Structure formats: C-alpha cells, structure tokens
C-alpha atoms as a PDB file:
ATOM      1  CA  MET A   1      72.350  62.118  75.800  1.00  0.00           C
ATOM      2  CA  SER A   2      75.428  60.968  76.566  1.00  0.00           C
ATOM      3  CA  VAL A   3      75.458  57.726  78.647  1.00  0.00           C
ATOM      4  CA  SER A   4      78.118  57.557  81.006  1.00  0.00           C
ATOM      5  CA  LEU A   5      78.309  54.686  83.466  1.00  0.00           C
ATOM      6  CA  LYS A   6      81.125  53.477  86.311  1.00  0.00           C
ATOM      7  CA  ARG A   7      81.727  49.904  84.961  1.00  0.00           C
ATOM      8  CA  PRO A   8      81.522  46.722  85.525  1.00  0.00           C
ATOM      9  CA  MET A   9      77.982  46.925  87.176  1.00  0.00           C
ATOM     10  CA  ASN A  10      75.825  44.262  88.630  1.00  0.00           C
ATOM     11  CA  THR A  11      73.006  42.447  86.900  1.00  0.00           C
ATOM     12  CA  VAL A  12      70.206  44.940  88.718  1.00  0.00           C
ATOM     13  CA  GLN A  13      72.032  48.018  87.715  1.00  0.00           C
ATOM     14  CA  TYR A  14      72.341  47.201  84.166  1.00  0.00           C
ATOM     15  CA  ALA A  15      68.618  46.384  84.232  1.00  0.00           C
ATOM     16  CA  GLU A  16      67.965  49.580  86.094  1.00  0.00           C
ATOM     17  CA  GLU A  17      70.336  51.444  83.273  1.00  0.00           C
ATOM     18  CA  ILE A  18      67.913  50.008  80.403  1.00  0.00           C
ATOM     19  CA  ILE A  19      64.705  51.277  82.217  1.00  0.00           C
ATOM     20  CA  ASN A  20      66.208  54.969  82.396  1.00  0.00           C
ATOM     21  CA  GLU A  21      67.397  54.742  78.631  1.00  0.00           C
ATOM     22  CA  LEU A  22      63.921  53.477  78.006  1.00  0.00           C
ATOM     23  CA  ARG A  23      62.405  56.215  80.076  1.00  0.00           C
ATOM     24  CA  ARG A  24      64.379  58.906  77.817  1.00  0.00           C
ATOM     25  CA  SER A  25      64.205  57.148  74.699  1.00  0.00           C
ATOM     26  CA  VAL A  26      59.799  57.033  74.636  1.00  0.00           C
ATOM     27  CA  SER A  27      59.985  60.736  76.024  1.00  0.00           C
ATOM     28  CA  ARG A  28      61.506  61.565  72.750  1.00  0.00           C
ATOM     29  CA  ILE A  29      58.578  59.534  70.257  1.00  0.00           C
ATOM     30  CA  PRO A  30      57.007  62.601  69.044  1.00  0.00           C
ATOM     31  CA  MET A  31      52.928  62.515  69.811  1.00  0.00           C
ATOM     32  CA  GLN A  32      51.369  63.329  66.692  1.00  0.00           C
ATOM     33  CA  GLU A  33      53.508  60.766  64.739  1.00  0.00           C
ATOM     34  CA  ALA A  34      51.770  58.190  67.097  1.00  0.00           C
ATOM     35  CA  GLU A  35      48.565  59.069  66.824  1.00  0.00           C
ATOM     36  CA  GLU A  36      48.689  59.284  63.303  1.00  0.00           C
ATOM     37  CA  LEU A  37      49.612  55.406  63.257  1.00  0.00           C
ATOM     38  CA  ALA A  38      47.154  54.443  65.967  1.00  0.00           C
ATOM     39  CA  GLU A  39      44.292  56.025  63.681  1.00  0.00           C
ATOM     40  CA  GLN A  40      45.648  54.254  60.593  1.00  0.00           C
ATOM     41  CA  VAL A  41      45.420  50.557  62.168  1.00  0.00           C
ATOM     42  CA  LEU A  42      42.307  51.883  63.248  1.00  0.00           C
ATOM     43  CA  HIS A  43      41.070  52.141  60.615  1.00  0.00           C
ATOM     44  CA  ALA A  44      43.059  49.756  58.857  1.00  0.00           C
ATOM     45  CA  LYS A  45      41.258  47.000  56.735  1.00  0.00           C
ATOM     46  CA  ARG A  46      43.936  44.371  57.606  1.00  0.00           C
ATOM     47  CA  ILE A  47      47.155  44.931  59.208  1.00  0.00           C
ATOM     48  CA  PHE A  48      50.400  43.564  58.054  1.00  0.00           C
ATOM     49  CA  LEU A  49      53.604  43.143  60.005  1.00  0.00           C
ATOM     50  CA  ALA A  50      57.076  43.403  58.911  1.00  0.00           C
ATOM     51  CA  GLY A  51      61.346  43.570  60.185  1.00  0.00           C
ATOM     52  CA  ALA A  52      63.919  42.313  60.367  1.00  0.00           C
ATOM     53  CA  GLY A  53      65.995  40.238  63.052  1.00  0.00           C
ATOM     54  CA  ARG A  54      64.463  41.100  66.448  1.00  0.00           C
ATOM     55  CA  SER A  55      62.669  44.524  65.046  1.00  0.00           C
ATOM     56  CA  GLY A  56      60.653  41.486  62.990  1.00  0.00           C
ATOM     57  CA  LEU A  57      60.357  39.162  66.143  1.00  0.00           C
ATOM     58  CA  MET A  58      58.915  42.434  68.196  1.00  0.00           C
ATOM     59  CA  GLY A  59      55.905  43.131  65.267  1.00  0.00           C
ATOM     60  CA  ARG A  60      55.328  39.612  65.809  1.00  0.00           C
ATOM     61  CA  ALA A  61      54.011  40.162  69.482  1.00  0.00           C
ATOM     62  CA  PHE A  62      51.949  43.155  67.732  1.00  0.00           C
ATOM     63  CA  ALA A  63      50.666  41.169  65.586  1.00  0.00           C
ATOM     64  CA  MET A  64      49.554  38.618  68.068  1.00  0.00           C
ATOM     65  CA  ARG A  65      47.928  41.817  70.280  1.00  0.00           C
ATOM     66  CA  LEU A  66      46.090  43.265  67.572  1.00  0.00           C
ATOM     67  CA  MET A  67      44.560  39.679  66.658  1.00  0.00           C
ATOM     68  CA  HIS A  68      43.616  39.429  70.534  1.00  0.00           C
ATOM     69  CA  ALA A  69      41.925  42.985  69.957  1.00  0.00           C
ATOM     70  CA  GLY A  70      40.188  41.855  67.202  1.00  0.00           C
ATOM     71  CA  LYS A  71      42.477  43.063  64.050  1.00  0.00           C
ATOM     72  CA  ASP A  72      43.189  40.938  61.360  1.00  0.00           C
ATOM     73  CA  ALA A  73      46.458  40.990  61.416  1.00  0.00           C
ATOM     74  CA  TYR A  74      50.072  39.130  59.664  1.00  0.00           C
ATOM     75  CA  VAL A  75      53.217  38.661  59.531  1.00  0.00           C
ATOM     76  CA  VAL A  76      54.696  38.879  56.620  1.00  0.00           C
ATOM     77  CA  GLY A  77      56.367  35.582  55.468  1.00  0.00           C
ATOM     78  CA  GLU A  78      54.330  33.627  57.780  1.00  0.00           C
ATOM     79  CA  THR A  79      52.048  30.598  55.862  1.00  0.00           C
ATOM     80  CA  VAL A  80      49.081  31.823  56.772  1.00  0.00           C
ATOM     81  CA  THR A  81      49.095  35.311  55.979  1.00  0.00           C
ATOM     82  CA  PRO A  82      46.981  36.680  52.606  1.00  0.00           C
ATOM     83  CA  GLY A  83      47.913  39.314  49.748  1.00  0.00           C
ATOM     84  CA  ILE A  84      48.192  42.846  50.853  1.00  0.00           C
ATOM     85  CA  ALA A  85      45.657  44.659  48.620  1.00  0.00           C
ATOM     86  CA  GLU A  86      44.510  47.687  48.665  1.00  0.00           C
ATOM     87  CA  GLY A  87      43.256  49.378  52.064  1.00  0.00           C
ATOM     88  CA  ASP A  88      45.534  47.313  53.898  1.00  0.00           C
ATOM     89  CA  LEU A  89      48.677  48.788  56.035  1.00  0.00           C
ATOM     90  CA  LEU A  90      52.254  47.646  55.744  1.00  0.00           C
ATOM     91  CA  ILE A  91      53.509  48.206  59.124  1.00  0.00           C
ATOM     92  CA  VAL A  92      57.870  48.321  58.643  1.00  0.00           C
ATOM     93  CA  GLY A  93      59.672  48.279  61.494  1.00  0.00           C
ATOM     94  CA  SER A  94      63.319  48.906  60.672  1.00  0.00           C
ATOM     95  CA  GLY A  95      66.047  50.675  62.692  1.00  0.00           C
ATOM     96  CA  SER A  96      68.059  51.718  59.707  1.00  0.00           C
ATOM     97  CA  GLY A  97      65.341  51.554  57.096  1.00  0.00           C
ATOM     98  CA  GLU A  98      67.624  50.453  54.408  1.00  0.00           C
ATOM     99  CA  THR A  99      67.129  46.299  54.940  1.00  0.00           C
ATOM    100  CA  GLN A 100      66.998  45.390  51.406  1.00  0.00           C
ATOM    101  CA  SER A 101      64.376  42.559  51.778  1.00  0.00           C
ATOM    102  CA  LEU A 102      62.056  44.975  53.412  1.00  0.00           C
ATOM    103  CA  ILE A 103      62.373  48.116  51.015  1.00  0.00           C
ATOM    104  CA  ALA A 104      61.138  45.478  48.534  1.00  0.00           C
ATOM    105  CA  MET A 105      58.153  44.731  50.999  1.00  0.00           C
ATOM    106  CA  ALA A 106      57.395  48.494  51.116  1.00  0.00           C
ATOM    107  CA  GLN A 107      57.774  48.942  47.231  1.00  0.00           C
ATOM    108  CA  LYS A 108      55.264  45.983  46.756  1.00  0.00           C
ATOM    109  CA  ALA A 109      52.651  46.904  48.841  1.00  0.00           C
ATOM    110  CA  LYS A 110      52.514  50.515  47.544  1.00  0.00           C
ATOM    111  CA  ALA A 111      52.439  49.390  43.995  1.00  0.00           C
ATOM    112  CA  LEU A 112      49.152  47.346  44.931  1.00  0.00           C
ATOM    113  CA  GLY A 113      47.612  50.371  46.846  1.00  0.00           C
ATOM    114  CA  ALA A 114      48.193  49.423  50.449  1.00  0.00           C
ATOM    115  CA  GLY A 115      49.345  51.945  53.167  1.00  0.00           C
ATOM    116  CA  VAL A 116      53.157  51.505  54.697  1.00  0.00           C
ATOM    117  CA  ALA A 117      54.118  53.313  57.335  1.00  0.00           C
ATOM    118  CA  ALA A 118      57.773  52.688  58.633  1.00  0.00           C
ATOM    119  CA  LEU A 119      58.902  52.690  62.211  1.00  0.00           C
ATOM    120  CA  THR A 120      62.139  53.816  62.284  1.00  0.00           C
ATOM    121  CA  ILE A 121      65.550  55.539  63.675  1.00  0.00           C
ATOM    122  CA  ASN A 122      65.885  57.366  60.391  1.00  0.00           C
ATOM    123  CA  PRO A 123      63.051  58.965  58.833  1.00  0.00           C
ATOM    124  CA  GLU A 124      64.789  59.541  55.841  1.00  0.00           C
ATOM    125  CA  SER A 125      66.153  55.960  54.922  1.00  0.00           C
ATOM    126  CA  THR A 126      64.311  54.831  51.574  1.00  0.00           C
ATOM    127  CA  ILE A 127      61.773  52.861  53.607  1.00  0.00           C
ATOM    128  CA  GLY A 128      61.259  56.034  55.230  1.00  0.00           C
ATOM    129  CA  ARG A 129      61.123  57.947  52.535  1.00  0.00           C
ATOM    130  CA  LEU A 130      58.493  55.204  51.027  1.00  0.00           C
ATOM    131  CA  ALA A 131      55.870  55.004  53.734  1.00  0.00           C
ATOM    132  CA  ASP A 132      52.875  57.426  53.729  1.00  0.00           C
ATOM    133  CA  ASP A 133      53.382  57.514  57.649  1.00  0.00           C
ATOM    134  CA  THR A 134      56.450  57.243  59.720  1.00  0.00           C
ATOM    135  CA  VAL A 135      57.089  57.365  63.808  1.00  0.00           C
ATOM    136  CA  LYS A 136      60.691  58.421  64.606  1.00  0.00           C
ATOM    137  CA  LEU A 137      61.575  56.097  67.535  1.00  0.00           C
ATOM    138  CA  PRO A 138      65.158  57.285  69.459  1.00  0.00           C
ATOM    139  CA  GLY A 139      67.949  54.194  69.700  1.00  0.00           C
ATOM    140  CA  ALA A 140      71.202  53.816  68.684  1.00  0.00           C
ATOM    141  CA  PRO A 141      72.087  51.932  65.221  1.00  0.00           C
ATOM    142  CA  LYS A 142      73.092  48.619  65.260  1.00  0.00           C
ATOM    143  CA  ASP A 143      76.442  49.410  63.980  1.00  0.00           C
ATOM    144  CA  GLN A 144      76.894  51.938  67.107  1.00  0.00           C
ATOM    145  CA  ALA A 145      79.129  50.871  69.909  1.00  0.00           C
ATOM    146  CA  ALA A 146      77.705  50.004  73.014  1.00  0.00           C
ATOM    147  CA  GLY A 147      78.665  52.724  75.307  1.00  0.00           C
ATOM    148  CA  SER A 148      79.377  55.256  72.835  1.00  0.00           C
ATOM    149  CA  GLY A 149      77.116  57.731  73.983  1.00  0.00           C
ATOM    150  CA  SER A 150      73.205  57.609  73.466  1.00  0.00           C
ATOM    151  CA  THR A 151      73.275  53.870  74.928  1.00  0.00           C
ATOM    152  CA  ILE A 152      74.770  51.138  76.910  1.00  0.00           C
ATOM    153  CA  GLN A 153      73.195  48.115  75.540  1.00  0.00           C
ATOM    154  CA  PRO A 154      74.869  46.472  72.065  1.00  0.00           C
ATOM    155  CA  MET A 155      73.897  46.591  68.200  1.00  0.00           C
ATOM    156  CA  ALA A 156      70.105  47.909  68.282  1.00  0.00           C
ATOM    157  CA  SER A 157      68.829  46.815  71.234  1.00  0.00           C
ATOM    158  CA  LEU A 158      67.765  50.113  72.599  1.00  0.00           C
ATOM    159  CA  PHE A 159      65.304  50.337  69.010  1.00  0.00           C
ATOM    160  CA  GLU A 160      64.277  47.753  69.647  1.00  0.00           C
ATOM    161  CA  GLN A 161      63.071  47.151  72.929  1.00  0.00           C
ATOM    162  CA  THR A 162      61.749  51.029  72.516  1.00  0.00           C
ATOM    163  CA  LEU A 163      59.496  49.435  69.524  1.00  0.00           C
ATOM    164  CA  LEU A 164      57.775  47.326  71.295  1.00  0.00           C
ATOM    165  CA  LEU A 165      57.160  49.385  74.007  1.00  0.00           C
ATOM    166  CA  PHE A 166      56.039  51.308  71.463  1.00  0.00           C
ATOM    167  CA  TYR A 167      53.519  48.925  70.068  1.00  0.00           C
ATOM    168  CA  ASP A 168      52.062  47.815  73.072  1.00  0.00           C
ATOM    169  CA  ALA A 169      51.128  51.311  73.631  1.00  0.00           C
ATOM    170  CA  VAL A 170      49.518  51.785  70.744  1.00  0.00           C
ATOM    171  CA  ILE A 171      46.881  48.716  71.909  1.00  0.00           C
ATOM    172  CA  LEU A 172      45.995  50.952  74.601  1.00  0.00           C
ATOM    173  CA  ARG A 173      45.325  53.701  72.599  1.00  0.00           C
ATOM    174  CA  LEU A 174      43.271  51.607  70.298  1.00  0.00           C
ATOM    175  CA  MET A 175      41.142  50.026  73.256  1.00  0.00           C
ATOM    176  CA  ASP A 176      40.522  53.157  74.891  1.00  0.00           C
ATOM    177  CA  LYS A 177      39.418  54.318  71.253  1.00  0.00           C
ATOM    178  CA  THR A 178      37.622  51.192  70.615  1.00  0.00           C
ATOM    179  CA  GLY A 179      35.871  50.432  74.285  1.00  0.00           C
ATOM    180  CA  GLN A 180      38.100  47.204  74.088  1.00  0.00           C
ATOM    181  CA  THR A 181      39.039  45.189  77.624  1.00  0.00           C
ATOM    182  CA  THR A 182      41.453  42.811  79.009  1.00  0.00           C
ATOM    183  CA  THR A 183      38.491  40.124  79.532  1.00  0.00           C
ATOM    184  CA  ARG A 184      37.441  40.471  75.902  1.00  0.00           C
ATOM    185  CA  MET A 185      40.754  40.511  74.094  1.00  0.00           C
ATOM    186  CA  PHE A 186      41.490  37.073  76.197  1.00  0.00           C
ATOM    187  CA  GLY A 187      38.502  35.718  74.524  1.00  0.00           C
ATOM    188  CA  LYS A 188      40.869  35.686  71.570  1.00  0.00           C
ATOM    189  CA  HIS A 189      43.981  34.283  73.255  1.00  0.00           C
ATOM    190  CA  ALA A 190      45.046  31.041  72.143  1.00  0.00           C
ATOM    191  CA  ASN A 191      43.426  27.553  73.440  1.00  0.00           C
ATOM    192  CA  LEU A 192      45.095  24.856  72.530  1.00  0.00           C
ATOM    193  CA  GLU A 193      47.907  25.116  74.589  1.00  0.00           C
END
C-alpha cells in the first residue's frame, strides 16, 4: 500500500500516521505462523532471543516479559546467558534475515539441536531458510527510503515497531494459554530499583 502524505506534518500527525501504518502492518501478520510461534514458546525448555540493533532491543523487551510470565528466557550475548541445548528455542528478529552474526547464531543453535524461529520481512532469507518456524512480519527494509511507498518512517522502524507489538501479543496469548495474570507476573518484576 502506498503512503502519501502532505508534508510537513506536526508531531501528533506523524504519530497518528505511525499508528495507521502499524494497523496495516499487524493486519498482515499470518495468523497460522503467529499461533505456531506461540506454541513453540509455550513448549520450549528455555528461550533465547537474538537480534541486532533496534530489533535486538525489541527482543530484550520480549525476554523480560517472558521472564515475568515464568519462562526461562535469555538474551544472546549477555554475560549470564547459558549455553543453548536441545529442547531450547532461539528466536531471531531480523528484518533482512541476512545479518551475518545472526546467521552464525542460528546455524550454531541448529547444530546443537535447538529449535530456531525467525521473525523477518523476508522468509526466503538465509535465517528464514534455517529456521524451523518463520513469522513473516510486514515492514520496510532498513535501506528503503522513508516515504518510498509502505512507510513514512526511516529505515526499519515499521518492522521494529511491528516486532515489539507482535512480541507483546505473544505474551498475551501465552497468558491465555497458561492462566497467567498480571498480578502473578508483577511478582517477578525487578525489586532492587
């Protein structure tokens, strides 16, 4: 869908257009793929999150909520992250699916018998093909110029925002499936702040 806007807009108008883009983006997430990922997360022994740049930050937020929901979740690269093993799940958030460091992680996880899930714009990418499960998330690649058709936002902002919303939706789905409540989750919230 082409996005055409009169410029300049004020800050609130930009925020409203971002919300419109997100509505369109979320409506295009394949339901079956989304449900399969939620099942993988539910049944994984431990969950490892990987992503580069802003996609990695979205993964960190998801790891935190998974921990609140009682799952053993880790961010790849942190000093307290254990080794991955059979029965574990590596979730890679990568718009392009071609980030070399993430490809190496996916290959290593597969070699060690762990499952791999990819959340990407491009399921036919290297990471997409390595993955056991792939969720195609709409968005624009980071090298696409803002205003070039699908988004007014720079670089991969639409993908990264959709990724965060999707991760939060997976948490809600897990809460449905496990009877988890916000009150119980808050009991696991950091308390040394």
